[in-house]
Amino acid sequence: MLSDEQLARNFADIAPPLTNDAALLEANQCLYCHDAPCTIACPTHIDVPAFIKKIASGNLRGSARVILDANPFGHSCARPVPSKCCARGRAS
């Protein structure tokens, strides 16, 4: 049987959530591509530039709606799906 501490380590997030300031900084780097590789790579085809634009404008509820309208389990997608961000040269 695992200790509570070991269970907490085993199920901890790989990367901690972004602070509001860090999320805003990341959102403002998006290029809002017409043929966004992030949307193409998303298995549920979430309109990533649309939800990022809403984060950049401070509309967090609208951002969540963009994700959840495409995928009711959107909260879990950021963990397994690799980043395909052209603003950072990671598009493939």
PDB file of N, CA and C in Angstrom:
ATOM      1  N   MET A   1       0.850  -1.182   0.000  1.00  0.00           N
ATOM      2  CA  MET A   1       0.000   0.000   0.000  1.00  0.00           C
ATOM      3  C   MET A   1       0.892   1.240   0.000  1.00  0.00           C
ATOM      4  N   LEU A   2       0.551   2.183  -0.859  1.00  0.00           N
ATOM      5  CA  LEU A   2       1.334   3.413  -0.960  1.00  0.00           C
ATOM      6  C   LEU A   2       0.928   4.415   0.113  1.00  0.00           C
ATOM      7  N   SER A   3       1.913   5.170   0.570  1.00  0.00           N
ATOM      8  CA  SER A   3       1.629   6.224   1.545  1.00  0.00           C
ATOM      9  C   SER A   3       0.899   7.371   0.849  1.00  0.00           C
ATOM     10  N   ASP A   4       0.282   8.235   1.653  1.00  0.00           N
ATOM     11  CA  ASP A   4      -0.397   9.399   1.097  1.00  0.00           C
ATOM     12  C   ASP A   4       0.583  10.283   0.324  1.00  0.00           C
ATOM     13  N   GLU A   5       1.782  10.401   0.830  1.00  0.00           N
ATOM     14  CA  GLU A   5       2.806  11.223   0.171  1.00  0.00           C
ATOM     15  C   GLU A   5       3.175  10.640  -1.195  1.00  0.00           C
ATOM     16  N   GLN A   6       3.346   9.320  -1.265  1.00  0.00           N
ATOM     17  CA  GLN A   6       3.681   8.659  -2.530  1.00  0.00           C
ATOM     18  C   GLN A   6       2.530   8.786  -3.531  1.00  0.00           C
ATOM     19  N   LEU A   7       1.295   8.638  -3.072  1.00  0.00           N
ATOM     20  CA  LEU A   7       0.143   8.809  -3.957  1.00  0.00           C
ATOM     21  C   LEU A   7       0.092  10.227  -4.505  1.00  0.00           C
ATOM     22  N   ALA A   8       0.354  11.208  -3.650  1.00  0.00           N
ATOM     23  CA  ALA A   8       0.358  12.607  -4.089  1.00  0.00           C
ATOM     24  C   ALA A   8       1.428  12.828  -5.146  1.00  0.00           C
ATOM     25  N   ARG A   9       2.618  12.266  -4.969  1.00  0.00           N
ATOM     26  CA  ARG A   9       3.693  12.403  -5.962  1.00  0.00           C
ATOM     27  C   ARG A   9       3.322  11.704  -7.265  1.00  0.00           C
ATOM     28  N   ASN A  10       2.711  10.534  -7.168  1.00  0.00           N
ATOM     29  CA  ASN A  10       2.358   9.776  -8.367  1.00  0.00           C
ATOM     30  C   ASN A  10       1.299  10.465  -9.219  1.00  0.00           C
ATOM     31  N   PHE A  11       0.412  11.240  -8.590  1.00  0.00           N
ATOM     32  CA  PHE A  11      -0.689  11.863  -9.322  1.00  0.00           C
ATOM     33  C   PHE A  11      -0.563  13.376  -9.421  1.00  0.00           C
ATOM     34  N   ALA A  12       0.596  13.890  -9.119  1.00  0.00           N
ATOM     35  CA  ALA A  12       0.826  15.342  -9.235  1.00  0.00           C
ATOM     36  C   ALA A  12       0.906  15.724 -10.713  1.00  0.00           C
ATOM     37  N   ASP A  13       0.536  16.958 -11.019  1.00  0.00           N
ATOM     38  CA  ASP A  13       0.660  17.447 -12.393  1.00  0.00           C
ATOM     39  C   ASP A  13       2.133  17.460 -12.794  1.00  0.00           C
ATOM     40  N   ILE A  14       2.393  17.133 -14.047  1.00  0.00           N
ATOM     41  CA  ILE A  14       3.755  17.154 -14.559  1.00  0.00           C
ATOM     42  C   ILE A  14       4.297  18.573 -14.518  1.00  0.00           C
ATOM     43  N   ALA A  15       3.511  19.507 -14.945  1.00  0.00           N
ATOM     44  CA  ALA A  15       3.877  20.927 -14.881  1.00  0.00           C
ATOM     45  C   ALA A  15       2.759  21.640 -14.129  1.00  0.00           C
ATOM     46  N   PRO A  16       3.109  22.491 -13.206  1.00  0.00           N
ATOM     47  CA  PRO A  16       2.054  23.203 -12.468  1.00  0.00           C
ATOM     48  C   PRO A  16       1.282  24.132 -13.397  1.00  0.00           C
ATOM     49  N   PRO A  17       0.035  24.443 -13.054  1.00  0.00           N
ATOM     50  CA  PRO A  17      -0.746  25.363 -13.890  1.00  0.00           C
ATOM     51  C   PRO A  17      -0.063  26.725 -13.974  1.00  0.00           C
ATOM     52  N   LEU A  18      -0.307  27.428 -15.074  1.00  0.00           N
ATOM     53  CA  LEU A  18       0.259  28.768 -15.243  1.00  0.00           C
ATOM     54  C   LEU A  18      -0.443  29.756 -14.320  1.00  0.00           C
ATOM     55  N   THR A  19       0.294  30.734 -13.863  1.00  0.00           N
ATOM     56  CA  THR A  19      -0.324  31.847 -13.148  1.00  0.00           C
ATOM     57  C   THR A  19      -1.090  32.677 -14.168  1.00  0.00           C
ATOM     58  N   ASN A  20      -1.956  33.565 -13.706  1.00  0.00           N
ATOM     59  CA  ASN A  20      -2.701  34.425 -14.637  1.00  0.00           C
ATOM     60  C   ASN A  20      -1.758  35.256 -15.500  1.00  0.00           C
ATOM     61  N   ASP A  21      -0.704  35.806 -14.880  1.00  0.00           N
ATOM     62  CA  ASP A  21       0.258  36.613 -15.643  1.00  0.00           C
ATOM     63  C   ASP A  21       0.998  35.780 -16.682  1.00  0.00           C
ATOM     64  N   ALA A  22       1.392  34.561 -16.319  1.00  0.00           N
ATOM     65  CA  ALA A  22       2.103  33.686 -17.257  1.00  0.00           C
ATOM     66  C   ALA A  22       1.188  33.270 -18.410  1.00  0.00           C
ATOM     67  N   ALA A  23      -0.078  33.000 -18.115  1.00  0.00           N
ATOM     68  CA  ALA A  23      -1.035  32.631 -19.168  1.00  0.00           C
ATOM     69  C   ALA A  23      -1.236  33.790 -20.140  1.00  0.00           C
ATOM     70  N   LEU A  24      -1.318  34.996 -19.608  1.00  0.00           N
ATOM     71  CA  LEU A  24      -1.478  36.178 -20.449  1.00  0.00           C
ATOM     72  C   LEU A  24      -0.251  36.384 -21.336  1.00  0.00           C
ATOM     73  N   LEU A  25       0.926  36.202 -20.761  1.00  0.00           N
ATOM     74  CA  LEU A  25       2.165  36.323 -21.530  1.00  0.00           C
ATOM     75  C   LEU A  25       2.211  35.290 -22.651  1.00  0.00           C
ATOM     76  N   GLU A  26       1.874  34.041 -22.350  1.00  0.00           N
ATOM     77  CA  GLU A  26       1.855  32.982 -23.368  1.00  0.00           C
ATOM     78  C   GLU A  26       0.809  33.273 -24.444  1.00  0.00           C
ATOM     79  N   ALA A  27      -0.371  33.711 -24.032  1.00  0.00           N
ATOM     80  CA  ALA A  27      -1.446  33.975 -24.993  1.00  0.00           C
ATOM     81  C   ALA A  27      -1.071  35.087 -25.961  1.00  0.00           C
ATOM     82  N   ASN A  28      -0.334  36.068 -25.484  1.00  0.00           N
ATOM     83  CA  ASN A  28       0.039  37.187 -26.347  1.00  0.00           C
ATOM     84  C   ASN A  28       1.149  36.842 -27.336  1.00  0.00           C
ATOM     85  N   GLN A  29       1.654  35.623 -27.304  1.00  0.00           N
ATOM     86  CA  GLN A  29       2.645  35.183 -28.280  1.00  0.00           C
ATOM     87  C   GLN A  29       2.017  34.441 -29.454  1.00  0.00           C
ATOM     88  N   CYS A  30       0.726  34.169 -29.375  1.00  0.00           N
ATOM     89  CA  CYS A  30       0.043  33.425 -30.438  1.00  0.00           C
ATOM     90  C   CYS A  30      -0.010  34.272 -31.710  1.00  0.00           C
ATOM     91  N   LEU A  31       0.190  33.628 -32.853  1.00  0.00           N
ATOM     92  CA  LEU A  31       0.150  34.300 -34.146  1.00  0.00           C
ATOM     93  C   LEU A  31      -1.238  34.257 -34.781  1.00  0.00           C
ATOM     94  N   TYR A  32      -2.183  33.529 -34.169  1.00  0.00           N
ATOM     95  CA  TYR A  32      -3.552  33.394 -34.668  1.00  0.00           C
ATOM     96  C   TYR A  32      -3.565  32.974 -36.141  1.00  0.00           C
ATOM     97  N   CYS A  33      -2.855  31.921 -36.435  1.00  0.00           N
ATOM     98  CA  CYS A  33      -2.717  31.413 -37.804  1.00  0.00           C
ATOM     99  C   CYS A  33      -4.075  31.045 -38.408  1.00  0.00           C
ATOM    100  N   HIS A  34      -4.225  31.291 -39.707  1.00  0.00           N
ATOM    101  CA  HIS A  34      -5.444  30.891 -40.418  1.00  0.00           C
ATOM    102  C   HIS A  34      -5.547  29.369 -40.481  1.00  0.00           C
ATOM    103  N   ASP A  35      -4.440  28.715 -40.782  1.00  0.00           N
ATOM    104  CA  ASP A  35      -4.412  27.252 -40.863  1.00  0.00           C
ATOM    105  C   ASP A  35      -3.627  26.702 -39.673  1.00  0.00           C
ATOM    106  N   ALA A  36      -4.038  27.070 -38.497  1.00  0.00           N
ATOM    107  CA  ALA A  36      -3.314  26.810 -37.252  1.00  0.00           C
ATOM    108  C   ALA A  36      -2.938  25.336 -37.084  1.00  0.00           C
ATOM    109  N   PRO A  37      -1.630  25.042 -37.009  1.00  0.00           N
ATOM    110  CA  PRO A  37      -1.200  23.660 -36.818  1.00  0.00           C
ATOM    111  C   PRO A  37      -1.666  23.091 -35.485  1.00  0.00           C
ATOM    112  N   CYS A  38      -1.889  23.952 -34.500  1.00  0.00           N
ATOM    113  CA  CYS A  38      -2.363  23.473 -33.204  1.00  0.00           C
ATOM    114  C   CYS A  38      -3.794  22.935 -33.322  1.00  0.00           C
ATOM    115  N   THR A  39      -4.635  23.603 -34.114  1.00  0.00           N
ATOM    116  CA  THR A  39      -6.007  23.139 -34.305  1.00  0.00           C
ATOM    117  C   THR A  39      -6.020  21.876 -35.156  1.00  0.00           C
ATOM    118  N   ILE A  40      -5.187  21.848 -36.187  1.00  0.00           N
ATOM    119  CA  ILE A  40      -5.103  20.666 -37.045  1.00  0.00           C
ATOM    120  C   ILE A  40      -4.623  19.458 -36.248  1.00  0.00           C
ATOM    121  N   ALA A  41      -3.665  19.668 -35.345  1.00  0.00           N
ATOM    122  CA  ALA A  41      -3.112  18.572 -34.553  1.00  0.00           C
ATOM    123  C   ALA A  41      -4.047  18.114 -33.444  1.00  0.00           C
ATOM    124  N   CYS A  42      -4.985  18.945 -33.053  1.00  0.00           N
ATOM    125  CA  CYS A  42      -5.892  18.611 -31.953  1.00  0.00           C
ATOM    126  C   CYS A  42      -6.870  17.528 -32.400  1.00  0.00           C
ATOM    127  N   PRO A  43      -6.917  16.399 -31.697  1.00  0.00           N
ATOM    128  CA  PRO A  43      -7.821  15.324 -32.126  1.00  0.00           C
ATOM    129  C   PRO A  43      -9.298  15.712 -32.053  1.00  0.00           C
ATOM    130  N   THR A  44      -9.650  16.710 -31.254  1.00  0.00           N
ATOM    131  CA  THR A  44     -11.037  17.151 -31.183  1.00  0.00           C
ATOM    132  C   THR A  44     -11.253  18.456 -31.937  1.00  0.00           C
ATOM    133  N   HIS A  45     -10.219  18.943 -32.634  1.00  0.00           N
ATOM    134  CA  HIS A  45     -10.275  20.129 -33.496  1.00  0.00           C
ATOM    135  C   HIS A  45     -10.788  21.378 -32.775  1.00  0.00           C
ATOM    136  N   ILE A  46     -10.310  21.563 -31.556  1.00  0.00           N
ATOM    137  CA  ILE A  46     -10.622  22.791 -30.822  1.00  0.00           C
ATOM    138  C   ILE A  46      -9.999  23.955 -31.576  1.00  0.00           C
ATOM    139  N   ASP A  47     -10.714  25.055 -31.690  1.00  0.00           N
ATOM    140  CA  ASP A  47     -10.205  26.255 -32.352  1.00  0.00           C
ATOM    141  C   ASP A  47      -9.238  26.940 -31.373  1.00  0.00           C
ATOM    142  N   VAL A  48      -8.000  26.481 -31.370  1.00  0.00           N
ATOM    143  CA  VAL A  48      -7.006  26.947 -30.407  1.00  0.00           C
ATOM    144  C   VAL A  48      -6.772  28.452 -30.502  1.00  0.00           C
ATOM    145  N   PRO A  49      -6.572  29.037 -31.692  1.00  0.00           N
ATOM    146  CA  PRO A  49      -6.389  30.488 -31.734  1.00  0.00           C
ATOM    147  C   PRO A  49      -7.567  31.264 -31.133  1.00  0.00           C
ATOM    148  N   ALA A  50      -8.784  30.775 -31.304  1.00  0.00           N
ATOM    149  CA  ALA A  50      -9.949  31.470 -30.738  1.00  0.00           C
ATOM    150  C   ALA A  50      -9.909  31.440 -29.216  1.00  0.00           C
ATOM    151  N   PHE A  51      -9.573  30.287 -28.635  1.00  0.00           N
ATOM    152  CA  PHE A  51      -9.569  30.247 -27.180  1.00  0.00           C
ATOM    153  C   PHE A  51      -8.376  31.012 -26.621  1.00  0.00           C
ATOM    154  N   ILE A  52      -7.260  31.041 -27.338  1.00  0.00           N
ATOM    155  CA  ILE A  52      -6.106  31.809 -26.873  1.00  0.00           C
ATOM    156  C   ILE A  52      -6.395  33.309 -26.959  1.00  0.00           C
ATOM    157  N   LYS A  53      -7.078  33.735 -28.020  1.00  0.00           N
ATOM    158  CA  LYS A  53      -7.432  35.157 -28.152  1.00  0.00           C
ATOM    159  C   LYS A  53      -8.323  35.593 -26.993  1.00  0.00           C
ATOM    160  N   LYS A  54      -9.214  34.716 -26.562  1.00  0.00           N
ATOM    161  CA  LYS A  54     -10.080  35.048 -25.429  1.00  0.00           C
ATOM    162  C   LYS A  54      -9.281  35.132 -24.128  1.00  0.00           C
ATOM    163  N   ILE A  55      -8.272  34.287 -23.970  1.00  0.00           N
ATOM    164  CA  ILE A  55      -7.399  34.398 -22.796  1.00  0.00           C
ATOM    165  C   ILE A  55      -6.676  35.737 -22.827  1.00  0.00           C
ATOM    166  N   ALA A  56      -6.131  36.102 -23.993  1.00  0.00           N
ATOM    167  CA  ALA A  56      -5.377  37.347 -24.134  1.00  0.00           C
ATOM    168  C   ALA A  56      -6.239  38.572 -23.838  1.00  0.00           C
ATOM    169  N   SER A  57      -7.544  38.480 -24.106  1.00  0.00           N
ATOM    170  CA  SER A  57      -8.434  39.613 -23.844  1.00  0.00           C
ATOM    171  C   SER A  57      -9.051  39.552 -22.454  1.00  0.00           C
ATOM    172  N   GLY A  58      -8.694  38.538 -21.670  1.00  0.00           N
ATOM    173  CA  GLY A  58      -9.206  38.420 -20.305  1.00  0.00           C
ATOM    174  C   GLY A  58     -10.545  37.718 -20.198  1.00  0.00           C
ATOM    175  N   ASN A  59     -11.030  37.156 -21.279  1.00  0.00           N
ATOM    176  CA  ASN A  59     -12.331  36.479 -21.292  1.00  0.00           C
ATOM    177  C   ASN A  59     -12.117  34.984 -21.015  1.00  0.00           C
ATOM    178  N   LEU A  60     -11.868  34.649 -19.765  1.00  0.00           N
ATOM    179  CA  LEU A  60     -11.572  33.249 -19.417  1.00  0.00           C
ATOM    180  C   LEU A  60     -12.805  32.360 -19.563  1.00  0.00           C
ATOM    181  N   ARG A  61     -13.971  32.866 -19.239  1.00  0.00           N
ATOM    182  CA  ARG A  61     -15.193  32.070 -19.403  1.00  0.00           C
ATOM    183  C   ARG A  61     -15.431  31.758 -20.889  1.00  0.00           C
ATOM    184  N   GLY A  62     -15.224  32.745 -21.747  1.00  0.00           N
ATOM    185  CA  GLY A  62     -15.366  32.528 -23.189  1.00  0.00           C
ATOM    186  C   GLY A  62     -14.338  31.544 -23.709  1.00  0.00           C
ATOM    187  N   SER A  63     -13.128  31.621 -23.170  1.00  0.00           N
ATOM    188  CA  SER A  63     -12.080  30.694 -23.557  1.00  0.00           C
ATOM    189  C   SER A  63     -12.479  29.259 -23.203  1.00  0.00           C
ATOM    190  N   ALA A  64     -12.983  29.087 -22.013  1.00  0.00           N
ATOM    191  CA  ALA A  64     -13.429  27.753 -21.590  1.00  0.00           C
ATOM    192  C   ALA A  64     -14.576  27.267 -22.474  1.00  0.00           C
ATOM    193  N   ARG A  65     -15.473  28.172 -22.846  1.00  0.00           N
ATOM    194  CA  ARG A  65     -16.606  27.782 -23.692  1.00  0.00           C
ATOM    195  C   ARG A  65     -16.143  27.283 -25.061  1.00  0.00           C
ATOM    196  N   VAL A  66     -15.132  27.946 -25.648  1.00  0.00           N
ATOM    197  CA  VAL A  66     -14.599  27.504 -26.948  1.00  0.00           C
ATOM    198  C   VAL A  66     -14.103  26.063 -26.837  1.00  0.00           C
ATOM    199  N   ILE A  67     -13.383  25.773 -25.770  1.00  0.00           N
ATOM    200  CA  ILE A  67     -12.854  24.419 -25.586  1.00  0.00           C
ATOM    201  C   ILE A  67     -13.980  23.427 -25.330  1.00  0.00           C
ATOM    202  N   LEU A  68     -14.840  23.742 -24.370  1.00  0.00           N
ATOM    203  CA  LEU A  68     -15.866  22.783 -23.955  1.00  0.00           C
ATOM    204  C   LEU A  68     -16.955  22.583 -24.999  1.00  0.00           C
ATOM    205  N   ASP A  69     -17.163  23.554 -25.885  1.00  0.00           N
ATOM    206  CA  ASP A  69     -18.114  23.349 -26.981  1.00  0.00           C
ATOM    207  C   ASP A  69     -17.608  22.289 -27.954  1.00  0.00           C
ATOM    208  N   ALA A  70     -16.305  22.221 -28.133  1.00  0.00           N
ATOM    209  CA  ALA A  70     -15.714  21.231 -29.033  1.00  0.00           C
ATOM    210  C   ALA A  70     -15.488  19.896 -28.338  1.00  0.00           C
ATOM    211  N   ASN A  71     -15.243  19.941 -27.043  1.00  0.00           N
ATOM    212  CA  ASN A  71     -14.873  18.724 -26.324  1.00  0.00           C
ATOM    213  C   ASN A  71     -15.267  18.863 -24.854  1.00  0.00           C
ATOM    214  N   PRO A  72     -16.273  18.119 -24.400  1.00  0.00           N
ATOM    215  CA  PRO A  72     -16.692  18.230 -23.002  1.00  0.00           C
ATOM    216  C   PRO A  72     -15.618  17.788 -22.006  1.00  0.00           C
ATOM    217  N   PHE A  73     -14.595  17.121 -22.482  1.00  0.00           N
ATOM    218  CA  PHE A  73     -13.486  16.702 -21.621  1.00  0.00           C
ATOM    219  C   PHE A  73     -12.244  17.541 -21.906  1.00  0.00           C
ATOM    220  N   GLY A  74     -12.432  18.754 -22.357  1.00  0.00           N
ATOM    221  CA  GLY A  74     -11.340  19.634 -22.746  1.00  0.00           C
ATOM    222  C   GLY A  74     -10.317  19.882 -21.658  1.00  0.00           C
ATOM    223  N   HIS A  75     -10.735  19.823 -20.401  1.00  0.00           N
ATOM    224  CA  HIS A  75      -9.812  20.069 -19.297  1.00  0.00           C
ATOM    225  C   HIS A  75      -8.678  19.052 -19.255  1.00  0.00           C
ATOM    226  N   SER A  76      -8.880  17.905 -19.838  1.00  0.00           N
ATOM    227  CA  SER A  76      -7.854  16.865 -19.784  1.00  0.00           C
ATOM    228  C   SER A  76      -6.955  16.837 -21.022  1.00  0.00           C
ATOM    229  N   CYS A  77      -7.293  17.584 -22.048  1.00  0.00           N
ATOM    230  CA  CYS A  77      -6.557  17.503 -23.303  1.00  0.00           C
ATOM    231  C   CYS A  77      -5.147  18.075 -23.238  1.00  0.00           C
ATOM    232  N   ALA A  78      -4.925  19.089 -22.472  1.00  0.00           N
ATOM    233  CA  ALA A  78      -3.609  19.735 -22.445  1.00  0.00           C
ATOM    234  C   ALA A  78      -2.529  18.810 -21.899  1.00  0.00           C
ATOM    235  N   ARG A  79      -2.903  17.814 -21.148  1.00  0.00           N
ATOM    236  CA  ARG A  79      -1.904  16.926 -20.558  1.00  0.00           C
ATOM    237  C   ARG A  79      -1.300  15.952 -21.572  1.00  0.00           C
ATOM    238  N   PRO A  80      -2.106  15.197 -22.332  1.00  0.00           N
ATOM    239  CA  PRO A  80      -1.496  14.196 -23.226  1.00  0.00           C
ATOM    240  C   PRO A  80      -1.116  14.704 -24.607  1.00  0.00           C
ATOM    241  N   VAL A  81      -1.684  15.820 -25.044  1.00  0.00           N
ATOM    242  CA  VAL A  81      -1.466  16.273 -26.411  1.00  0.00           C
ATOM    243  C   VAL A  81      -0.217  17.149 -26.475  1.00  0.00           C
ATOM    244  N   PRO A  82       0.718  16.823 -27.355  1.00  0.00           N
ATOM    245  CA  PRO A  82       1.928  17.641 -27.474  1.00  0.00           C
ATOM    246  C   PRO A  82       1.621  19.006 -28.075  1.00  0.00           C
ATOM    247  N   SER A  83       2.432  19.951 -27.756  1.00  0.00           N
ATOM    248  CA  SER A  83       2.265  21.311 -28.258  1.00  0.00           C
ATOM    249  C   SER A  83       2.646  21.371 -29.740  1.00  0.00           C
ATOM    250  N   LYS A  84       1.853  22.077 -30.501  1.00  0.00           N
ATOM    251  CA  LYS A  84       2.130  22.325 -31.927  1.00  0.00           C
ATOM    252  C   LYS A  84       2.055  23.822 -32.163  1.00  0.00           C
ATOM    253  N   CYS A  85       2.948  24.553 -31.541  1.00  0.00           N
ATOM    254  CA  CYS A  85       2.872  26.004 -31.526  1.00  0.00           C
ATOM    255  C   CYS A  85       3.831  26.615 -32.539  1.00  0.00           C
ATOM    256  N   CYS A  86       3.270  27.295 -33.535  1.00  0.00           N
ATOM    257  CA  CYS A  86       4.128  27.892 -34.559  1.00  0.00           C
ATOM    258  C   CYS A  86       4.817  29.154 -34.052  1.00  0.00           C
ATOM    259  N   ALA A  87       4.262  29.803 -33.027  1.00  0.00           N
ATOM    260  CA  ALA A  87       4.884  31.005 -32.473  1.00  0.00           C
ATOM    261  C   ALA A  87       6.223  30.674 -31.817  1.00  0.00           C
ATOM    262  N   ARG A  88       6.375  29.446 -31.429  1.00  0.00           N
ATOM    263  CA  ARG A  88       7.598  29.015 -30.769  1.00  0.00           C
ATOM    264  C   ARG A  88       8.449  28.130 -31.660  1.00  0.00           C
ATOM    265  N   GLY A  89       8.081  28.008 -32.911  1.00  0.00           N
ATOM    266  CA  GLY A  89       8.857  27.172 -33.820  1.00  0.00           C
ATOM    267  C   GLY A  89       8.697  25.686 -33.558  1.00  0.00           C
ATOM    268  N   ARG A  90       7.598  25.303 -32.924  1.00  0.00           N
ATOM    269  CA  ARG A  90       7.381  23.898 -32.594  1.00  0.00           C
ATOM    270  C   ARG A  90       6.407  23.232 -33.540  1.00  0.00           C
ATOM    271  N   ALA A  91       5.926  23.930 -34.524  1.00  0.00           N
ATOM    272  CA  ALA A  91       4.969  23.312 -35.446  1.00  0.00           C
ATOM    273  C   ALA A  91       5.667  22.217 -36.235  1.00  0.00           C
ATOM    274  N   SER A  92       4.942  21.156 -36.462  1.00  0.00           N
ATOM    275  CA  SER A  92       5.538  20.067 -37.251  1.00  0.00           C
ATOM    276  C   SER A  92       4.623  19.653 -38.376  1.00  0.00           C
TER     277      SER A  92
END
